[in-house]
């Protein structure tokens, strides 16, 4: 049975929703599912913009066949070749043997690498600035390399202002019938998953996203719809999502807020983290969140780290090093190019308290543009009464730093 939504008079969403997949890219939990977005234009030529994951291919085929209603599919336009969008290409080629394929040189290379039999079809290789006319609609192509694969492009329909945005402006969470950003409460229900999607999938490539945003700035007054490959279609309030992307891609925090991330084996480091949170609240710092690094998936930690301005790392010493999952969290920060944050350190160790120095060394030498507060809370097994002044000084330093930012 088909399941489609109309985007404009002659453009339709023909994608699918996935609640069966537990891990996106086999690493990131998606408890609320994800959508795979594909779009069909019914012009003088029929045009399918991208495909979807193989697991939902049947839904795509049913949707396309329903809307075509006996017409041929004339054009398959591929903006992004990652398998959650490109895996159904071969099925479309088999069902529509006369279809033309429009994409970039690198995308065609990837299609062949994935074993798709494209060479029996008319292939139209495009680059930035090229245009194609499908009848009433003319589109132009904008290169978007490393957002977040090297072959990626976005396509702008100059006729009706639709931007087919590939993996830009996407989000986790299945659509479940609601297609547009104004059909959901995005700021309440979606923004955290949109941030988690961006920071973990695209976060490393901030400069490339910045380049794309500058290109989009030249046509922003012409954009009427943003059609991403995951998540809602944007048809208003573009400034909201563009502002988020500006913060995320420039590695600037969204909020003056404190995130306390603790690694505790037997609860003593956690108790110190709780005491610090209480001290901060006494000083009026209540925009705080706390996470146990051992039972919080790192994708959530990274998302929050992109959001906040200040991070407290509270770690026990383990085998004379940083607690392993805390170290993994730091490594993810490095891999995703996080910058421009202020850190405070809480360290614990029963016979050799080394985690603080090692975390500071990592922040200083492995990450970019990070500030580490001079005040530090050092524990020997647990937070004792003689550490009250040290705790207070650390809370003062964090509160003062927040005021100064």
Protein backbone atom coordinates (compact mmCIF):
# COMPACT_ATOMS: atom_id res chain seq x y z
CA UNK A 1 0.00 0.00 0.00
CA UNK A 2 1.34 3.44 -0.93
CA UNK A 3 2.09 6.13 1.68
CA UNK A 4 2.88 9.51 0.14
CA UNK A 5 2.63 13.22 1.07
CA UNK A 6 2.33 16.20 -1.25
CA UNK A 7 5.11 18.79 -0.86
CA UNK A 8 4.06 21.18 -3.64
CA UNK A 9 1.52 20.97 -6.44
CA UNK A 10 3.63 18.46 -8.40
CA UNK A 11 6.27 17.29 -5.90
CA UNK A 12 5.66 14.39 -3.52
CA UNK A 13 7.45 12.72 -0.61
CA UNK A 14 7.75 9.03 -1.49
CA UNK A 15 10.06 7.89 1.29
CA UNK A 16 9.60 5.57 4.26
CA UNK A 17 9.91 5.43 8.03
CA UNK A 18 12.01 2.91 9.92
CA UNK A 19 11.29 1.82 13.50
CA UNK A 20 13.01 -1.54 13.16
CA UNK A 21 16.58 -0.26 12.92
CA UNK A 22 18.21 -0.08 16.35
CA UNK A 23 21.51 1.58 15.41
CA UNK A 24 21.93 4.18 12.67
CA UNK A 25 25.16 3.46 10.77
CA UNK A 26 25.31 0.51 13.19
CA UNK A 27 26.57 2.81 15.95
CA UNK A 28 24.04 5.51 16.96
CA UNK A 29 20.88 4.48 18.86
CA UNK A 30 17.64 5.68 17.25
CA UNK A 31 14.90 4.79 19.76
CA UNK A 32 12.40 7.03 17.93
CA UNK A 33 13.26 5.69 14.49
CA UNK A 34 14.36 7.55 11.38
CA UNK A 35 12.87 8.54 8.04
CA UNK A 36 14.40 7.96 4.63
CA UNK A 37 13.24 10.76 2.36
CA UNK A 38 12.87 10.50 -1.39
CA UNK A 39 10.93 12.90 -3.61
CA UNK A 40 9.10 12.46 -6.93
CA UNK A 41 8.51 15.35 -9.33
CA UNK A 42 5.68 14.94 -11.86
CA UNK A 43 6.63 17.38 -14.62
CA UNK A 44 6.84 16.80 -18.37
CA UNK A 45 9.57 14.45 -17.24
CA UNK A 46 9.15 12.46 -14.06
CA UNK A 47 12.10 12.81 -11.70
CA UNK A 48 12.96 10.79 -8.60
CA UNK A 49 15.26 12.68 -6.23
CA UNK A 50 17.38 10.09 -4.41
CA UNK A 51 16.27 6.66 -3.20
CA UNK A 52 16.16 5.13 0.29
CA UNK A 53 17.64 2.35 2.37
CA UNK A 54 17.28 -1.18 1.00
CA UNK A 55 15.29 -2.25 4.06
CA UNK A 56 12.41 0.04 2.99
CA UNK A 57 12.74 -0.32 -0.78
CA UNK A 58 9.35 -2.01 -1.15
CA UNK A 59 7.63 1.09 0.26
CA UNK A 60 9.54 3.34 -2.14
CA UNK A 61 8.56 1.21 -5.14
CA UNK A 62 4.88 1.17 -4.13
CA UNK A 63 4.88 4.94 -3.64
CA UNK A 64 6.55 5.68 -6.97
CA UNK A 65 4.36 3.26 -8.93
CA UNK A 66 1.21 4.73 -7.39
CA UNK A 67 2.09 8.31 -8.34
CA UNK A 68 3.42 7.47 -11.79
CA UNK A 69 0.13 5.69 -12.51
CA UNK A 70 1.51 4.02 -15.62
CA UNK A 71 3.90 6.78 -16.66
CA UNK A 72 7.58 5.91 -17.05
CA UNK A 73 10.21 7.22 -14.68
CA UNK A 74 12.34 9.47 -16.85
CA UNK A 75 15.08 10.67 -14.50
CA UNK A 76 16.78 9.40 -11.34
CA UNK A 77 18.69 12.28 -9.71
CA UNK A 78 21.16 11.27 -7.00
CA UNK A 79 22.46 13.93 -4.63
CA UNK A 80 24.11 11.56 -2.13
CA UNK A 81 25.29 7.99 -2.51
CA UNK A 82 25.48 6.76 1.08
CA UNK A 83 23.62 3.42 1.24
CA UNK A 84 20.79 4.68 3.46
CA UNK A 85 19.88 6.77 0.40
CA UNK A 86 21.54 4.98 -2.48
CA UNK A 87 20.98 1.31 -1.73
CA UNK A 88 17.76 1.14 -3.75
CA UNK A 89 19.28 2.60 -6.91
CA UNK A 90 19.78 -0.80 -8.51
CA UNK A 91 16.13 -1.73 -7.96
CA UNK A 92 14.96 1.50 -9.60
CA UNK A 93 17.26 0.85 -12.58
CA UNK A 94 15.88 -2.66 -12.99
CA UNK A 95 12.26 -1.52 -12.83
CA UNK A 96 12.76 1.47 -15.12
CA UNK A 97 15.38 0.38 -17.68
CA UNK A 98 15.06 3.57 -19.74
CA UNK A 99 15.61 5.94 -16.83
CA UNK A 100 18.37 8.56 -17.14
CA UNK A 101 20.65 9.01 -14.15
CA UNK A 102 21.89 12.46 -13.13
CA UNK A 103 24.68 12.76 -10.57
CA UNK A 104 28.29 13.77 -9.98
CA UNK A 105 31.44 12.12 -11.25
CA UNK A 106 32.32 10.77 -7.80
CA UNK A 107 28.78 9.50 -7.25
CA UNK A 108 28.96 7.48 -10.46
CA UNK A 109 32.28 6.08 -9.27
CA UNK A 110 30.64 5.01 -5.99
CA UNK A 111 27.69 3.45 -7.81
CA UNK A 112 30.11 1.22 -9.69
CA UNK A 113 31.97 0.42 -6.47
CA UNK A 114 28.71 -0.72 -4.92
CA UNK A 115 28.15 -2.96 -7.94
CA UNK A 116 25.23 -1.08 -9.49
CA UNK A 117 24.80 -1.74 -13.22
CA UNK A 118 24.52 1.86 -14.36
CA UNK A 119 26.44 1.74 -17.64
CA UNK A 120 23.48 0.50 -19.66
CA UNK A 121 21.65 3.74 -18.84
CA UNK A 122 22.10 7.29 -20.06
CA UNK A 123 24.34 8.93 -17.47
CA UNK A 124 24.36 12.71 -17.13
CA UNK A 125 27.31 13.97 -15.13
CA UNK A 126 26.78 17.39 -13.56
CA UNK A 127 28.88 19.83 -11.62
CA UNK A 128 28.29 23.05 -9.73
CA UNK A 129 26.39 25.63 -11.75
CA UNK A 130 24.99 23.20 -14.31
CA UNK A 131 21.25 23.22 -14.93
CA UNK A 132 18.66 20.73 -16.10
CA UNK A 133 15.13 21.43 -17.34
CA UNK A 134 12.39 18.86 -16.82
CA UNK A 135 9.55 20.87 -18.35
CA UNK A 136 8.13 23.59 -16.15
CA UNK A 137 10.91 23.02 -13.62
CA UNK A 138 14.57 23.96 -13.98
CA UNK A 139 17.10 22.89 -11.36
CA UNK A 140 20.66 23.94 -10.70
CA UNK A 141 23.33 22.00 -8.86
CA UNK A 142 25.53 23.10 -5.97
CA UNK A 143 28.56 21.04 -4.90
CA UNK A 144 28.52 20.05 -1.22
CA UNK A 145 31.67 17.94 -0.80
CA UNK A 146 32.16 16.38 2.64
CA UNK A 147 28.64 17.21 3.77
CA UNK A 148 29.33 14.56 4.64
CA UNK A 149 30.63 12.39 1.76
CA UNK A 150 32.91 13.70 -1.00
CA UNK A 151 30.40 13.14 -3.82
CA UNK A 152 27.53 15.04 -2.23
CA UNK A 153 25.67 17.85 -3.93
CA UNK A 154 22.44 19.71 -3.32
CA UNK A 155 19.90 20.55 -6.01
CA UNK A 156 17.89 23.78 -6.15
CA UNK A 157 14.66 24.01 -8.11
CA UNK A 158 14.71 27.62 -9.31
CA UNK A 159 11.08 27.33 -10.45
CA UNK A 160 9.45 26.76 -7.08
CA UNK A 161 12.27 27.36 -4.59
CA UNK A 162 12.73 23.77 -3.41
CA UNK A 163 16.19 22.94 -2.07
CA UNK A 164 16.93 19.21 -2.14
CA UNK A 165 19.45 19.34 0.68
CA UNK A 166 20.92 15.81 0.79
CA UNK A 167 22.12 15.10 4.35
CA UNK A 168 22.07 18.76 5.37
CA UNK A 169 19.26 19.89 7.69
CA UNK A 170 18.35 16.29 8.53
CA UNK A 171 17.37 14.66 11.80
CA UNK A 172 16.80 11.37 13.53
CA UNK A 173 13.16 10.46 14.41
CA UNK A 174 10.63 8.87 12.07
CA UNK A 175 8.09 11.21 10.51
CA UNK A 176 5.09 8.93 11.16
CA UNK A 177 2.69 10.82 8.92
CA UNK A 178 3.81 14.35 9.74
CA UNK A 179 6.00 15.74 6.96
CA UNK A 180 6.52 19.45 7.58
CA UNK A 181 8.41 21.28 10.31
CA UNK A 182 5.26 23.17 11.29
CA UNK A 183 3.35 19.92 11.78
CA UNK A 184 5.58 19.08 14.75
CA UNK A 185 6.85 20.99 17.77
CA UNK A 186 10.41 21.00 16.52
CA UNK A 187 11.98 22.98 19.35
CA UNK A 188 10.37 20.73 21.96
CA UNK A 189 10.43 17.29 20.37
CA UNK A 190 13.01 17.29 17.57
CA UNK A 191 15.89 19.69 18.18
CA UNK A 192 17.90 17.34 20.42
CA UNK A 193 17.74 14.56 17.82
CA UNK A 194 18.51 16.99 15.00
CA UNK A 195 21.57 18.13 16.93
CA UNK A 196 22.59 14.55 17.71
CA UNK A 197 22.25 13.68 14.03
CA UNK A 198 24.33 16.64 12.87
CA UNK A 199 27.05 16.50 15.50
CA UNK A 200 27.72 12.79 15.20
CA UNK A 201 27.24 12.37 11.44
CA UNK A 202 28.43 15.66 9.99
CA UNK A 203 30.12 17.36 12.96
CA UNK A 204 33.69 16.82 11.83
CA UNK A 205 33.08 18.71 8.61
CA UNK A 206 32.13 22.11 10.00
CA UNK A 207 34.24 24.11 7.51
CA UNK A 208 32.54 22.31 4.61
CA UNK A 209 29.12 23.04 6.07
CA UNK A 210 30.14 26.66 6.50
CA UNK A 211 31.05 26.77 2.81
CA UNK A 212 27.65 25.35 1.89
CA UNK A 213 25.87 27.84 4.16
CA UNK A 214 27.67 30.69 2.39
CA UNK A 215 26.51 29.37 -0.96
CA UNK A 216 22.97 29.00 0.36
CA UNK A 217 23.13 32.58 1.62
CA UNK A 218 23.07 33.78 -1.96
CA UNK A 219 19.71 32.13 -2.62
CA UNK A 220 18.16 32.14 0.85
CA UNK A 221 15.55 34.69 -0.21
CA UNK A 222 14.49 32.31 -3.00
CA UNK A 223 14.19 29.17 -0.86
CA UNK A 224 10.60 28.13 -0.18
CA UNK A 225 11.15 24.54 0.92
CA UNK A 226 14.13 22.60 2.29
CA UNK A 227 13.81 18.89 1.52
CA UNK A 228 16.41 16.88 3.47
CA UNK A 229 17.03 13.15 3.20
CA UNK A 230 16.05 12.56 6.85
CA UNK A 231 13.50 14.36 8.99
CA UNK A 232 10.90 17.06 8.30
CA UNK A 233 10.60 19.22 5.21
CA UNK A 234 11.08 22.87 6.13
CA UNK A 235 8.58 25.30 4.62
CA UNK A 236 8.94 28.22 7.04
CA UNK A 237 11.07 29.44 9.96
CA UNK A 238 14.26 28.87 7.95
CA UNK A 239 16.16 31.26 10.23
CA UNK A 240 15.71 28.86 13.15
CA UNK A 241 17.42 25.87 11.55
CA UNK A 242 20.00 28.01 9.73
CA UNK A 243 21.00 29.57 13.06
CA UNK A 244 21.45 26.12 14.59
CA UNK A 245 23.63 25.04 11.68
CA UNK A 246 25.65 28.22 11.99
CA UNK A 247 26.40 27.44 15.65
CA UNK A 248 27.10 23.76 15.10
CA UNK A 249 29.31 24.16 12.04
CA UNK A 250 31.33 26.99 13.58
CA UNK A 251 31.71 25.01 16.84
CA UNK A 252 30.15 27.81 18.86
CA UNK A 253 27.95 26.72 21.81
CA UNK A 254 24.22 27.26 21.57
CA UNK A 255 23.80 28.05 25.26
CA UNK A 256 25.66 29.21 28.31
CA UNK A 257 25.23 25.97 30.17
CA UNK A 258 27.21 23.44 32.19
CA UNK A 259 27.45 19.74 31.42
CA UNK A 260 28.92 17.53 34.15
CA UNK A 261 30.17 14.21 32.79
CA UNK A 262 31.38 11.77 35.41
CA UNK A 263 33.13 8.41 35.40
CA UNK A 264 32.59 6.70 38.74
CA UNK A 265 33.36 3.11 39.70
CA UNK A 266 31.80 2.90 43.14
CA UNK A 267 29.83 6.14 43.43
CA UNK A 268 32.39 8.42 45.07
CA UNK A 269 33.21 10.47 41.97
CA UNK A 270 29.50 10.67 41.22
CA UNK A 271 28.89 12.02 44.73
CA UNK A 272 31.48 14.74 44.11
CA UNK A 273 29.80 15.61 40.80
CA UNK A 274 26.46 15.90 42.59
CA UNK A 275 27.99 18.15 45.23
CA UNK A 276 29.45 20.38 42.52
CA UNK A 277 26.07 20.63 40.80
CA UNK A 278 24.50 21.71 44.10
CA UNK A 279 27.22 24.32 44.67
CA UNK A 280 26.58 25.69 41.18
CA UNK A 281 22.85 25.93 41.86
CA UNK A 282 23.61 27.86 45.07
CA UNK A 283 25.39 30.38 42.82
CA UNK A 284 22.44 30.65 40.46
CA UNK A 285 23.86 28.30 37.82
CA UNK A 286 20.91 26.04 37.12
CA UNK A 287 21.24 25.51 33.37
CA UNK A 288 23.12 22.28 34.07
CA UNK A 289 22.92 18.67 32.97
CA UNK A 290 24.68 15.62 34.36
CA UNK A 291 25.64 12.37 32.62
CA UNK A 292 27.21 9.11 33.71
CA UNK A 293 29.68 8.41 30.92
CA UNK A 294 29.43 4.68 31.59
CA UNK A 295 25.72 4.33 30.79
CA UNK A 296 25.11 7.18 28.34
CA UNK A 297 25.77 6.46 24.68
CA UNK A 298 28.55 8.72 23.46
CA UNK A 299 26.36 10.12 20.66
CA UNK A 300 24.19 11.81 23.30
CA UNK A 301 27.28 13.10 25.11
CA UNK A 302 28.65 14.59 21.89
CA UNK A 303 25.34 16.24 21.06
CA UNK A 304 25.19 17.90 24.46
CA UNK A 305 28.84 18.90 24.25
CA UNK A 306 28.08 20.81 21.05
CA UNK A 307 25.16 22.52 22.81
CA UNK A 308 26.79 23.78 26.01
CA UNK A 309 29.57 26.25 26.72
CA UNK A 310 31.12 24.56 29.77
CA UNK A 311 31.97 20.92 30.44
CA UNK A 312 33.11 19.40 33.74
CA UNK A 313 35.06 16.19 33.34
CA UNK A 314 34.98 14.17 36.55
CA UNK A 315 36.96 10.95 36.28
CA UNK A 316 38.40 8.30 38.52
CA UNK A 317 41.93 7.15 37.75
CA UNK A 318 41.94 3.67 36.21
CA UNK A 319 45.11 1.63 35.66
CA UNK A 320 47.03 4.88 36.11
CA UNK A 321 45.07 6.44 33.25
CA UNK A 322 41.77 8.04 32.36
CA UNK A 323 38.74 5.83 32.92
CA UNK A 324 38.30 4.05 29.56
CA UNK A 325 34.82 5.31 28.65
CA UNK A 326 35.82 8.87 29.60
CA UNK A 327 38.82 8.51 27.33
CA UNK A 328 36.55 7.25 24.54
CA UNK A 329 34.37 10.34 24.99
CA UNK A 330 37.42 12.57 24.67
CA UNK A 331 38.49 10.68 21.56
CA UNK A 332 35.08 11.30 19.99
CA UNK A 333 35.44 15.01 20.69
CA UNK A 334 38.73 14.92 18.82
CA UNK A 335 37.32 12.89 15.94
CA UNK A 336 34.43 15.33 15.52
CA UNK A 337 36.67 18.41 15.67
CA UNK A 338 34.99 19.98 18.70
CA UNK A 339 36.38 23.41 19.58
CA UNK A 340 35.76 26.56 21.61
CA UNK A 341 34.64 25.14 24.94
CA UNK A 342 35.60 25.75 28.57
CA UNK A 343 36.46 22.75 30.74
CA UNK A 344 36.79 22.10 34.45
CA UNK A 345 38.36 19.00 35.93
CA UNK A 346 37.50 16.77 38.87
CA UNK A 347 39.93 13.90 39.47
CA UNK A 348 39.87 10.96 41.83
CA UNK A 349 42.36 8.27 42.76
CA UNK A 350 42.90 6.13 45.83
CA UNK A 351 46.67 5.67 45.54
CA UNK A 352 47.69 7.46 42.33
CA UNK A 353 45.51 10.38 41.24
CA UNK A 354 46.56 10.90 37.63
CA UNK A 355 43.33 11.32 35.65
CA UNK A 356 43.24 15.10 36.01
CA UNK A 357 46.69 15.71 34.55
CA UNK A 358 46.00 13.26 31.74
CA UNK A 359 42.66 14.86 30.86
CA UNK A 360 44.25 18.32 30.89
CA UNK A 361 47.04 17.10 28.63
CA UNK A 362 44.50 15.66 26.20
CA UNK A 363 42.51 18.90 26.13
CA UNK A 364 45.65 21.00 25.63
CA UNK A 365 47.39 18.84 23.05
CA UNK A 366 44.69 16.91 21.18
CA UNK A 367 41.85 19.42 20.88
CA UNK A 368 41.64 22.91 19.41
CA UNK A 369 40.81 26.23 21.06
CA UNK A 370 39.89 24.80 24.45
CA UNK A 371 40.09 26.65 27.78
CA UNK A 372 40.78 24.69 30.97
CA UNK A 373 40.04 26.46 34.25
CA UNK A 374 42.96 26.61 36.69
CA UNK A 375 40.87 25.47 39.63
CA UNK A 376 40.62 21.71 40.03
CA UNK A 377 39.00 19.38 42.55
CA UNK A 378 41.31 16.48 43.48
CA UNK A 379 39.96 13.61 45.55
CA UNK A 380 41.62 10.76 47.38
CA UNK A 381 38.95 8.05 47.22
CA UNK A 382 36.02 10.27 48.23
CA UNK A 383 34.95 13.85 48.83
CA UNK A 384 35.96 14.66 52.40
CA UNK A 385 35.22 17.68 54.57
CA UNK A 386 38.68 19.14 54.02
CA UNK A 387 37.83 19.50 50.31
CA UNK A 388 34.93 21.91 50.88
CA UNK A 389 37.01 24.99 50.08
CA UNK A 390 38.41 23.37 46.93
CA UNK A 391 34.89 22.46 45.82
CA UNK A 392 33.68 26.01 46.46
CA UNK A 393 36.58 27.52 44.52
CA UNK A 394 35.83 25.30 41.53
CA UNK A 395 32.15 26.25 41.61
CA UNK A 396 33.12 29.94 41.85
CA UNK A 397 35.45 29.59 38.88
CA UNK A 398 32.78 27.95 36.72
CA UNK A 399 30.15 30.53 37.69
CA UNK A 400 32.55 33.43 37.03
CA UNK A 401 33.55 31.95 33.68
CA UNK A 402 29.90 31.68 32.65
CA UNK A 403 29.37 35.34 33.44
CA UNK A 404 32.44 36.27 31.44
CA UNK A 405 31.52 34.30 28.29
